[in-house]
Structures are given as C-alpha cells and as structure tokens.
C-alpha cells in the first residue's frame, strides 16, 4: 500500500522552529539509545535544512531581480566624471 502524503505551507521562521524541534528530538533519541528513530530524524532535519536553503536562495534571486528592475526604472546612471 502506497503511503499517503500531504503538502503543508510553512514560513521560513516556522521551518527554523521545526528544525530546532527535530534536533531536540534526535538528541533525546540518542540519549535514550533509540537509534532507529535517530536516522529518520536526521533525514528529516536534512530535508528541512535543504528546504530552508532553497527558500533563502529564492529570496536572494527575488531581491536581485527587484534591484535590477529598480535600477532600470530609475534610468541610466552617469559616472561622476561625466558632465551632463
């Protein structure tokens, strides 16, 4: 039987809190020698870190694009040595 999945929407700060919670859960598993769950939690932590990094890269691309659009709207720039 195929396992069901769900799509959820989380903000970057919510993802950071999930990562923190997963790290605490993983540390608890290690402390109580529950190594079966440790591997699963490590996988989840890595997945959420990749998602967070992807969001950060996307934000940087949007910022760069917005900056370029803003520069395009403000017209051509002249250098300080040029006389208008």
PDB file of N, CA and C in Angstrom:
ATOM      1  N   UNK A   1       0.834  -1.163   0.000  1.00  0.00           N
ATOM      2  CA  UNK A   1       0.000   0.000   0.000  1.00  0.00           C
ATOM      3  C   UNK A   1       0.896   1.248   0.000  1.00  0.00           C
ATOM      4  N   UNK A   2       0.580   2.193  -0.898  1.00  0.00           N
ATOM      5  CA  UNK A   2       1.371   3.417  -1.004  1.00  0.00           C
ATOM      6  C   UNK A   2       1.059   4.345   0.161  1.00  0.00           C
ATOM      7  N   UNK A   3       2.106   4.916   0.744  1.00  0.00           N
ATOM      8  CA  UNK A   3       1.934   5.815   1.869  1.00  0.00           C
ATOM      9  C   UNK A   3       1.394   7.159   1.382  1.00  0.00           C
ATOM     10  N   UNK A   4       0.449   7.692   2.109  1.00  0.00           N
ATOM     11  CA  UNK A   4      -0.139   8.975   1.753  1.00  0.00           C
ATOM     12  C   UNK A   4       0.826  10.103   2.087  1.00  0.00           C
ATOM     13  N   UNK A   5       0.650  11.233   1.420  1.00  0.00           N
ATOM     14  CA  UNK A   5       1.479  12.400   1.703  1.00  0.00           C
ATOM     15  C   UNK A   5       0.590  13.637   1.743  1.00  0.00           C
ATOM     16  N   UNK A   6       1.155  14.718   2.245  1.00  0.00           N
ATOM     17  CA  UNK A   6       0.405  15.965   2.344  1.00  0.00           C
ATOM     18  C   UNK A   6       1.345  17.120   2.023  1.00  0.00           C
ATOM     19  N   UNK A   7       0.780  18.190   1.514  1.00  0.00           N
ATOM     20  CA  UNK A   7       1.530  19.411   1.260  1.00  0.00           C
ATOM     21  C   UNK A   7       1.127  20.421   2.322  1.00  0.00           C
ATOM     22  N   UNK A   8       2.133  20.986   2.985  1.00  0.00           N
ATOM     23  CA  UNK A   8       1.844  21.983   4.009  1.00  0.00           C
ATOM     24  C   UNK A   8       2.612  23.266   3.679  1.00  0.00           C
ATOM     25  N   UNK A   9       2.113  24.370   4.171  1.00  0.00           N
ATOM     26  CA  UNK A   9       2.726  25.665   3.919  1.00  0.00           C
ATOM     27  C   UNK A   9       3.316  26.186   5.229  1.00  0.00           C
ATOM     28  N   UNK A  10       4.640  26.429   5.219  1.00  0.00           N
ATOM     29  CA  UNK A  10       5.324  26.937   6.400  1.00  0.00           C
ATOM     30  C   UNK A  10       6.166  28.152   6.015  1.00  0.00           C
ATOM     31  N   UNK A  11       6.242  29.103   6.913  1.00  0.00           N
ATOM     32  CA  UNK A  11       7.119  30.252   6.694  1.00  0.00           C
ATOM     33  C   UNK A  11       8.556  29.826   7.009  1.00  0.00           C
ATOM     34  N   UNK A  12       9.510  30.687   6.638  1.00  0.00           N
ATOM     35  CA  UNK A  12      10.912  30.372   6.911  1.00  0.00           C
ATOM     36  C   UNK A  12      11.149  30.242   8.410  1.00  0.00           C
ATOM     37  N   UNK A  13      10.542  31.114   9.210  1.00  0.00           N
ATOM     38  CA  UNK A  13      10.740  31.022  10.660  1.00  0.00           C
ATOM     39  C   UNK A  13      10.097  29.760  11.235  1.00  0.00           C
ATOM     40  N   UNK A  14       8.964  29.354  10.684  1.00  0.00           N
ATOM     41  CA  UNK A  14       8.339  28.097  11.137  1.00  0.00           C
ATOM     42  C   UNK A  14       9.226  26.904  10.794  1.00  0.00           C
ATOM     43  N   UNK A  15       9.864  26.943   9.638  1.00  0.00           N
ATOM     44  CA  UNK A  15      10.783  25.870   9.251  1.00  0.00           C
ATOM     45  C   UNK A  15      11.966  25.829  10.217  1.00  0.00           C
ATOM     46  N   UNK A  16      12.468  26.993  10.598  1.00  0.00           N
ATOM     47  CA  UNK A  16      13.569  27.031  11.568  1.00  0.00           C
ATOM     48  C   UNK A  16      13.153  26.395  12.890  1.00  0.00           C
ATOM     49  N   UNK A  17      11.926  26.665  13.348  1.00  0.00           N
ATOM     50  CA  UNK A  17      11.441  26.062  14.598  1.00  0.00           C
ATOM     51  C   UNK A  17      11.270  24.550  14.458  1.00  0.00           C
ATOM     52  N   UNK A  18      10.848  24.089  13.289  1.00  0.00           N
ATOM     53  CA  UNK A  18      10.727  22.643  13.059  1.00  0.00           C
ATOM     54  C   UNK A  18      12.110  22.003  13.140  1.00  0.00           C
ATOM     55  N   UNK A  19      13.102  22.645  12.525  1.00  0.00           N
ATOM     56  CA  UNK A  19      14.470  22.113  12.565  1.00  0.00           C
ATOM     57  C   UNK A  19      14.965  22.029  14.005  1.00  0.00           C
ATOM     58  N   UNK A  20      14.760  23.091  14.769  1.00  0.00           N
ATOM     59  CA  UNK A  20      15.179  23.094  16.176  1.00  0.00           C
ATOM     60  C   UNK A  20      14.492  21.959  16.945  1.00  0.00           C
ATOM     61  N   UNK A  21      13.204  21.790  16.731  1.00  0.00           N
ATOM     62  CA  UNK A  21      12.456  20.728  17.419  1.00  0.00           C
ATOM     63  C   UNK A  21      12.951  19.346  17.019  1.00  0.00           C
ATOM     64  N   UNK A  22      13.235  19.167  15.748  1.00  0.00           N
ATOM     65  CA  UNK A  22      13.735  17.869  15.285  1.00  0.00           C
ATOM     66  C   UNK A  22      15.113  17.567  15.875  1.00  0.00           C
ATOM     67  N   UNK A  23      15.950  18.585  15.985  1.00  0.00           N
ATOM     68  CA  UNK A  23      17.279  18.386  16.585  1.00  0.00           C
ATOM     69  C   UNK A  23      17.134  17.964  18.049  1.00  0.00           C
ATOM     70  N   UNK A  24      16.222  18.609  18.775  1.00  0.00           N
ATOM     71  CA  UNK A  24      15.996  18.213  20.174  1.00  0.00           C
ATOM     72  C   UNK A  24      15.464  16.782  20.255  1.00  0.00           C
ATOM     73  N   UNK A  25      14.560  16.424  19.364  1.00  0.00           N
ATOM     74  CA  UNK A  25      14.027  15.056  19.359  1.00  0.00           C
ATOM     75  C   UNK A  25      15.131  14.052  19.050  1.00  0.00           C
ATOM     76  N   UNK A  26      15.987  14.385  18.071  1.00  0.00           N
ATOM     77  CA  UNK A  26      17.101  13.497  17.712  1.00  0.00           C
ATOM     78  C   UNK A  26      18.060  13.329  18.891  1.00  0.00           C
ATOM     79  N   UNK A  27      18.371  14.432  19.564  1.00  0.00           N
ATOM     80  CA  UNK A  27      19.265  14.349  20.734  1.00  0.00           C
ATOM     81  C   UNK A  27      18.658  13.492  21.838  1.00  0.00           C
ATOM     82  N   UNK A  28      17.344  13.591  22.031  1.00  0.00           N
ATOM     83  CA  UNK A  28      16.665  12.754  23.037  1.00  0.00           C
ATOM     84  C   UNK A  28      16.749  11.284  22.656  1.00  0.00           C
ATOM     85  N   UNK A  29      16.555  10.998  21.376  1.00  0.00           N
ATOM     86  CA  UNK A  29      16.647   9.603  20.924  1.00  0.00           C
ATOM     87  C   UNK A  29      18.051   9.055  21.168  1.00  0.00           C
ATOM     88  N   UNK A  30      19.052   9.874  20.860  1.00  0.00           N
ATOM     89  CA  UNK A  30      20.428   9.431  21.084  1.00  0.00           C
ATOM     90  C   UNK A  30      20.697   9.213  22.571  1.00  0.00           C
ATOM     91  N   UNK A  31      20.184  10.108  23.406  1.00  0.00           N
ATOM     92  CA  UNK A  31      20.383   9.996  24.848  1.00  0.00           C
ATOM     93  C   UNK A  31      19.773   8.702  25.397  1.00  0.00           C
ATOM     94  N   UNK A  32      18.591   8.341  24.875  1.00  0.00           N
ATOM     95  CA  UNK A  32      17.910   7.139  25.353  1.00  0.00           C
ATOM     96  C   UNK A  32      18.192   5.924  24.480  1.00  0.00           C
ATOM     97  N   UNK A  33      19.235   6.019  23.654  1.00  0.00           N
ATOM     98  CA  UNK A  33      19.690   4.904  22.810  1.00  0.00           C
ATOM     99  C   UNK A  33      18.611   4.385  21.874  1.00  0.00           C
ATOM    100  N   UNK A  34      17.772   5.266  21.374  1.00  0.00           N
ATOM    101  CA  UNK A  34      16.750   4.897  20.395  1.00  0.00           C
ATOM    102  C   UNK A  34      17.275   5.252  19.004  1.00  0.00           C
ATOM    103  N   UNK A  35      18.247   4.467  18.531  1.00  0.00           N
ATOM    104  CA  UNK A  35      18.967   4.807  17.308  1.00  0.00           C
ATOM    105  C   UNK A  35      18.155   4.548  16.043  1.00  0.00           C
ATOM    106  N   UNK A  36      17.076   3.768  16.133  1.00  0.00           N
ATOM    107  CA  UNK A  36      16.222   3.564  14.958  1.00  0.00           C
ATOM    108  C   UNK A  36      15.583   4.885  14.535  1.00  0.00           C
ATOM    109  N   UNK A  37      15.099   5.648  15.487  1.00  0.00           N
ATOM    110  CA  UNK A  37      14.460   6.919  15.176  1.00  0.00           C
ATOM    111  C   UNK A  37      15.481   8.020  14.885  1.00  0.00           C
ATOM    112  N   UNK A  38      16.688   7.874  15.374  1.00  0.00           N
ATOM    113  CA  UNK A  38      17.716   8.885  15.153  1.00  0.00           C
ATOM    114  C   UNK A  38      17.987   9.069  13.662  1.00  0.00           C
ATOM    115  N   UNK A  39      18.087   7.967  12.935  1.00  0.00           N
ATOM    116  CA  UNK A  39      18.358   8.052  11.496  1.00  0.00           C
ATOM    117  C   UNK A  39      17.207   8.744  10.765  1.00  0.00           C
ATOM    118  N   UNK A  40      15.982   8.404  11.108  1.00  0.00           N
ATOM    119  CA  UNK A  40      14.812   9.017  10.487  1.00  0.00           C
ATOM    120  C   UNK A  40      14.769  10.513  10.778  1.00  0.00           C
ATOM    121  N   UNK A  41      15.062  10.900  12.004  1.00  0.00           N
ATOM    122  CA  UNK A  41      15.057  12.317  12.369  1.00  0.00           C
ATOM    123  C   UNK A  41      16.179  13.068  11.664  1.00  0.00           C
ATOM    124  N   UNK A  42      17.340  12.444  11.521  1.00  0.00           N
ATOM    125  CA  UNK A  42      18.456  13.071  10.796  1.00  0.00           C
ATOM    126  C   UNK A  42      18.046  13.336   9.346  1.00  0.00           C
ATOM    127  N   UNK A  43      17.349  12.403   8.730  1.00  0.00           N
ATOM    128  CA  UNK A  43      16.870  12.582   7.358  1.00  0.00           C
ATOM    129  C   UNK A  43      15.894  13.749   7.272  1.00  0.00           C
ATOM    130  N   UNK A  44      14.974  13.831   8.226  1.00  0.00           N
ATOM    131  CA  UNK A  44      14.018  14.941   8.258  1.00  0.00           C
ATOM    132  C   UNK A  44      14.724  16.283   8.450  1.00  0.00           C
ATOM    133  N   UNK A  45      15.694  16.319   9.348  1.00  0.00           N
ATOM    134  CA  UNK A  45      16.453  17.546   9.598  1.00  0.00           C
ATOM    135  C   UNK A  45      17.139  17.994   8.305  1.00  0.00           C
ATOM    136  N   UNK A  46      17.802  17.060   7.634  1.00  0.00           N
ATOM    137  CA  UNK A  46      18.493  17.390   6.385  1.00  0.00           C
ATOM    138  C   UNK A  46      17.514  17.903   5.329  1.00  0.00           C
ATOM    139  N   UNK A  47      16.342  17.283   5.237  1.00  0.00           N
ATOM    140  CA  UNK A  47      15.325  17.719   4.268  1.00  0.00           C
ATOM    141  C   UNK A  47      14.859  19.145   4.570  1.00  0.00           C
ATOM    142  N   UNK A  48      14.585  19.439   5.834  1.00  0.00           N
ATOM    143  CA  UNK A  48      14.123  20.777   6.196  1.00  0.00           C
ATOM    144  C   UNK A  48      15.227  21.823   6.003  1.00  0.00           C
ATOM    145  N   UNK A  49      16.464  21.444   6.246  1.00  0.00           N
ATOM    146  CA  UNK A  49      17.578  22.371   6.007  1.00  0.00           C
ATOM    147  C   UNK A  49      17.683  22.690   4.517  1.00  0.00           C
ATOM    148  N   UNK A  50      17.536  21.676   3.660  1.00  0.00           N
ATOM    149  CA  UNK A  50      17.565  21.912   2.216  1.00  0.00           C
ATOM    150  C   UNK A  50      16.413  22.826   1.782  1.00  0.00           C
ATOM    151  N   UNK A  51      15.239  22.623   2.361  1.00  0.00           N
ATOM    152  CA  UNK A  51      14.086  23.467   2.046  1.00  0.00           C
ATOM    153  C   UNK A  51      14.373  24.904   2.466  1.00  0.00           C
ATOM    154  N   UNK A  52      14.913  25.087   3.660  1.00  0.00           N
ATOM    155  CA  UNK A  52      15.230  26.434   4.149  1.00  0.00           C
ATOM    156  C   UNK A  52      16.263  27.103   3.251  1.00  0.00           C
ATOM    157  N   UNK A  53      17.310  26.374   2.855  1.00  0.00           N
ATOM    158  CA  UNK A  53      18.331  26.932   1.974  1.00  0.00           C
ATOM    159  C   UNK A  53      17.739  27.307   0.615  1.00  0.00           C
ATOM    160  N   UNK A  54      16.816  26.495   0.130  1.00  0.00           N
ATOM    161  CA  UNK A  54      16.145  26.792  -1.133  1.00  0.00           C
ATOM    162  C   UNK A  54      15.330  28.082  -1.032  1.00  0.00           C
ATOM    163  N   UNK A  55      14.652  28.269   0.087  1.00  0.00           N
ATOM    164  CA  UNK A  55      13.879  29.498   0.312  1.00  0.00           C
ATOM    165  C   UNK A  55      14.815  30.708   0.343  1.00  0.00           C
ATOM    166  N   UNK A  56      15.935  30.586   1.029  1.00  0.00           N
ATOM    167  CA  UNK A  56      16.893  31.691   1.121  1.00  0.00           C
ATOM    168  C   UNK A  56      17.441  32.041  -0.265  1.00  0.00           C
ATOM    169  N   UNK A  57      17.776  31.034  -1.061  1.00  0.00           N
ATOM    170  CA  UNK A  57      18.267  31.284  -2.417  1.00  0.00           C
ATOM    171  C   UNK A  57      17.194  31.966  -3.257  1.00  0.00           C
ATOM    172  N   UNK A  58      15.956  31.533  -3.112  1.00  0.00           N
ATOM    173  CA  UNK A  58      14.853  32.151  -3.843  1.00  0.00           C
ATOM    174  C   UNK A  58      14.668  33.608  -3.448  1.00  0.00           C
ATOM    175  N   UNK A  59      14.780  33.890  -2.144  1.00  0.00           N
ATOM    176  CA  UNK A  59      14.670  35.270  -1.668  1.00  0.00           C
ATOM    177  C   UNK A  59      15.779  36.142  -2.244  1.00  0.00           C
ATOM    178  N   UNK A  60      16.995  35.599  -2.311  1.00  0.00           N
ATOM    179  CA  UNK A  60      18.121  36.354  -2.857  1.00  0.00           C
ATOM    180  C   UNK A  60      17.904  36.654  -4.344  1.00  0.00           C
ATOM    181  N   UNK A  61      17.372  35.675  -5.087  1.00  0.00           N
ATOM    182  CA  UNK A  61      17.098  35.893  -6.507  1.00  0.00           C
ATOM    183  C   UNK A  61      16.040  36.978  -6.693  1.00  0.00           C
ATOM    184  N   UNK A  62      15.005  36.946  -5.866  1.00  0.00           N
ATOM    185  CA  UNK A  62      13.950  37.955  -5.959  1.00  0.00           C
ATOM    186  C   UNK A  62      14.507  39.329  -5.631  1.00  0.00           C
ATOM    187  N   UNK A  63      15.327  39.435  -4.592  1.00  0.00           N
ATOM    188  CA  UNK A  63      15.934  40.711  -4.221  1.00  0.00           C
ATOM    189  C   UNK A  63      16.803  41.257  -5.353  1.00  0.00           C
ATOM    190  N   UNK A  64      17.603  40.374  -5.972  1.00  0.00           N
ATOM    191  CA  UNK A  64      18.470  40.800  -7.069  1.00  0.00           C
ATOM    192  C   UNK A  64      17.636  41.264  -8.259  1.00  0.00           C
ATOM    193  N   UNK A  65      16.582  40.529  -8.567  1.00  0.00           N
ATOM    194  CA  UNK A  65      15.710  40.902  -9.678  1.00  0.00           C
ATOM    195  C   UNK A  65      15.020  42.234  -9.394  1.00  0.00           C
ATOM    196  N   UNK A  66      14.528  42.429  -8.174  1.00  0.00           N
ATOM    197  CA  UNK A  66      13.876  43.687  -7.812  1.00  0.00           C
ATOM    198  C   UNK A  66      14.856  44.852  -7.878  1.00  0.00           C
ATOM    199  N   UNK A  67      16.087  44.616  -7.458  1.00  0.00           N
ATOM    200  CA  UNK A  67      17.101  45.676  -7.511  1.00  0.00           C
ATOM    201  C   UNK A  67      17.379  46.050  -8.963  1.00  0.00           C
ATOM    202  N   UNK A  68      17.489  45.052  -9.835  1.00  0.00           N
ATOM    203  CA  UNK A  68      17.724  45.307 -11.251  1.00  0.00           C
ATOM    204  C   UNK A  68      16.565  46.078 -11.864  1.00  0.00           C
ATOM    205  N   UNK A  69      15.337  45.678 -11.535  1.00  0.00           N
ATOM    206  CA  UNK A  69      14.160  46.373 -12.053  1.00  0.00           C
ATOM    207  C   UNK A  69      14.121  47.811 -11.553  1.00  0.00           C
ATOM    208  N   UNK A  70      14.490  48.023 -10.300  1.00  0.00           N
ATOM    209  CA  UNK A  70      14.503  49.374  -9.733  1.00  0.00           C
ATOM    210  C   UNK A  70      15.534  50.241 -10.444  1.00  0.00           C
ATOM    211  N   UNK A  71      16.704  49.673 -10.728  1.00  0.00           N
ATOM    212  CA  UNK A  71      17.740  50.416 -11.437  1.00  0.00           C
ATOM    213  C   UNK A  71      17.291  50.740 -12.857  1.00  0.00           C
ATOM    214  N   UNK A  72      16.601  49.801 -13.497  1.00  0.00           N
ATOM    215  CA  UNK A  72      16.104  50.031 -14.853  1.00  0.00           C
ATOM    216  C   UNK A  72      15.073  51.159 -14.867  1.00  0.00           C
ATOM    217  N   UNK A  73      14.228  51.233 -13.846  1.00  0.00           N
ATOM    218  CA  UNK A  73      13.197  52.269 -13.775  1.00  0.00           C
ATOM    219  C   UNK A  73      13.770  53.644 -13.509  1.00  0.00           C
ATOM    220  N   UNK A  74      14.862  53.696 -12.791  1.00  0.00           N
ATOM    221  CA  UNK A  74      15.426  54.997 -12.446  1.00  0.00           C
ATOM    222  C   UNK A  74      16.270  55.569 -13.583  1.00  0.00           C
ATOM    223  N   UNK A  75      16.403  54.859 -14.671  1.00  0.00           N
ATOM    224  CA  UNK A  75      17.100  55.367 -15.844  1.00  0.00           C
ATOM    225  C   UNK A  75      18.588  55.079 -15.801  1.00  0.00           C
ATOM    226  N   UNK A  76      19.256  55.471 -16.887  1.00  0.00           N
ATOM    227  CA  UNK A  76      20.701  55.200 -16.956  1.00  0.00           C
ATOM    228  C   UNK A  76      21.459  56.051 -15.947  1.00  0.00           C
ATOM    229  N   UNK A  77      22.448  55.477 -15.387  1.00  0.00           N
ATOM    230  CA  UNK A  77      23.272  56.186 -14.420  1.00  0.00           C
ATOM    231  C   UNK A  77      24.453  56.821 -15.149  1.00  0.00           C
ATOM    232  N   UNK A  78      24.868  57.936 -14.667  1.00  0.00           N
ATOM    233  CA  UNK A  78      26.037  58.589 -15.234  1.00  0.00           C
ATOM    234  C   UNK A  78      27.177  58.489 -14.221  1.00  0.00           C
ATOM    235  N   UNK A  79      28.364  58.476 -14.735  1.00  0.00           N
ATOM    236  CA  UNK A  79      29.507  58.390 -13.827  1.00  0.00           C
ATOM    237  C   UNK A  79      29.812  59.777 -13.284  1.00  0.00           C
ATOM    238  N   UNK A  80      30.551  59.826 -12.200  1.00  0.00           N
ATOM    239  CA  UNK A  80      30.839  61.091 -11.540  1.00  0.00           C
ATOM    240  C   UNK A  80      31.685  62.008 -12.412  1.00  0.00           C
ATOM    241  N   UNK A  81      32.507  61.434 -13.271  1.00  0.00           N
ATOM    242  CA  UNK A  81      33.377  62.258 -14.098  1.00  0.00           C
ATOM    243  C   UNK A  81      32.678  62.802 -15.341  1.00  0.00           C
ATOM    244  N   UNK A  82      31.475  62.279 -15.642  1.00  0.00           N
ATOM    245  CA  UNK A  82      30.726  62.750 -16.812  1.00  0.00           C
ATOM    246  C   UNK A  82      30.043  64.090 -16.486  1.00  0.00           C
ATOM    247  N   UNK A  83      30.035  64.970 -17.454  1.00  0.00           N
ATOM    248  CA  UNK A  83      29.361  66.261 -17.281  1.00  0.00           C
ATOM    249  C   UNK A  83      28.078  66.187 -18.085  1.00  0.00           C
ATOM    250  N   UNK A  84      26.965  66.472 -17.427  1.00  0.00           N
ATOM    251  CA  UNK A  84      25.668  66.434 -18.108  1.00  0.00           C
ATOM    252  C   UNK A  84      25.402  67.721 -18.837  1.00  0.00           C
TER     253      UNK A  84
END
